[in-house]
Amino acid sequence: MKQLYYYFGSDVLRRGLKSYFKKYAFKNTELKDFLQELSKAAITVGIKEDLMKWSLSWLESSGINIIKTQFDEENGFI
């Protein structure tokens, strides 16, 4: 949840949670249901992100995540 908060911001997370709880109140759900509502909330503010792909790499896979940095250098300045 923390990562989603920092990734999308509080507005998207709040909208997604509100929609999710309203739609699935007192029902059984799966992770895909939550991610679908969060994706819809992100689209309303112009963010088009594939959360299923994110879920596969961050939540549903084992091992260490690898982060690589990439930067451009020109005339000795980054």
Protein backbone atom coordinates (compact mmCIF):
# COMPACT_ATOMS: atom_id res chain seq x y z
CA MET A 1 0.00 0.00 0.00
CA LYS A 2 2.84 2.36 0.80
CA GLN A 3 4.43 1.79 -2.55
CA LEU A 4 1.12 2.38 -4.35
CA TYR A 5 0.65 5.59 -2.35
CA TYR A 6 4.04 6.93 -3.43
CA TYR A 7 3.66 5.64 -6.97
CA PHE A 8 0.19 7.06 -7.71
CA GLY A 9 -0.37 9.65 -5.02
CA SER A 10 -3.03 9.98 -2.37
CA ASP A 11 -5.81 11.10 -4.75
CA VAL A 12 -5.62 8.01 -6.95
CA LEU A 13 -5.27 5.66 -3.99
CA ARG A 14 -8.22 7.29 -2.20
CA ARG A 15 -10.42 7.11 -5.32
CA GLY A 16 -9.44 3.52 -5.97
CA LEU A 17 -10.11 2.42 -2.39
CA LYS A 18 -13.45 4.23 -2.30
CA SER A 19 -14.55 2.60 -5.54
CA TYR A 20 -13.27 -0.81 -4.46
CA PHE A 21 -15.05 -0.79 -1.08
CA LYS A 22 -18.27 0.51 -2.60
CA LYS A 23 -18.34 -2.06 -5.39
CA TYR A 24 -17.28 -5.07 -3.32
CA ALA A 25 -18.84 -4.32 0.08
CA PHE A 26 -19.53 -7.60 1.92
CA LYS A 27 -18.26 -9.69 -1.00
CA ASN A 28 -15.26 -11.90 -1.60
CA THR A 29 -12.64 -10.47 -3.92
CA GLU A 30 -9.27 -11.20 -5.42
CA LEU A 31 -6.19 -9.06 -5.94
CA LYS A 32 -7.18 -8.45 -9.56
CA ASP A 33 -10.42 -6.79 -8.40
CA PHE A 34 -8.50 -4.30 -6.28
CA LEU A 35 -5.96 -3.61 -9.01
CA GLN A 36 -8.74 -3.09 -11.54
CA GLU A 37 -10.42 -0.42 -9.39
CA LEU A 38 -7.09 1.25 -8.74
CA SER A 39 -6.34 1.27 -12.47
CA LYS A 40 -9.69 2.93 -13.17
CA ALA A 41 -8.93 5.60 -10.58
CA ALA A 42 -5.51 6.22 -12.12
CA ILE A 43 -7.03 6.64 -15.57
CA THR A 44 -9.36 9.38 -14.26
CA VAL A 45 -6.31 11.52 -13.50
CA GLY A 46 -4.50 10.66 -16.73
CA ILE A 47 -2.22 7.84 -15.55
CA LYS A 48 -2.22 4.76 -17.78
CA GLU A 49 -0.37 2.07 -15.89
CA ASP A 50 -0.63 -1.71 -16.19
CA LEU A 51 -1.05 -2.78 -12.59
CA MET A 52 -1.26 -6.45 -13.47
CA LYS A 53 2.30 -6.23 -14.77
CA TRP A 54 3.33 -4.40 -11.58
CA SER A 55 1.62 -7.05 -9.48
CA LEU A 56 3.45 -9.87 -11.24
CA SER A 57 6.85 -8.28 -10.72
CA TRP A 58 6.40 -6.92 -7.17
CA LEU A 59 3.83 -9.12 -5.45
CA GLU A 60 3.65 -12.45 -7.20
CA SER A 61 7.30 -13.24 -7.87
CA SER A 62 10.04 -14.36 -5.57
CA GLY A 63 13.55 -13.06 -5.34
CA ILE A 64 15.18 -9.70 -5.11
CA ASN A 65 13.98 -6.85 -7.28
CA ILE A 66 16.73 -5.28 -9.33
CA ILE A 67 16.77 -1.55 -9.84
CA LYS A 68 19.14 -0.01 -12.35
CA THR A 69 20.01 3.63 -12.65
CA GLN A 70 20.28 5.35 -15.98
CA PHE A 71 21.64 8.83 -16.51
CA ASP A 72 23.04 10.96 -19.28
CA GLU A 73 26.40 12.66 -19.06
CA GLU A 74 27.43 15.57 -21.24
CA ASN A 75 30.64 17.59 -20.87
CA GLY A 76 31.24 16.17 -17.43
CA PHE A 77 27.76 17.02 -16.12
CA ILE A 78 25.08 14.52 -15.24
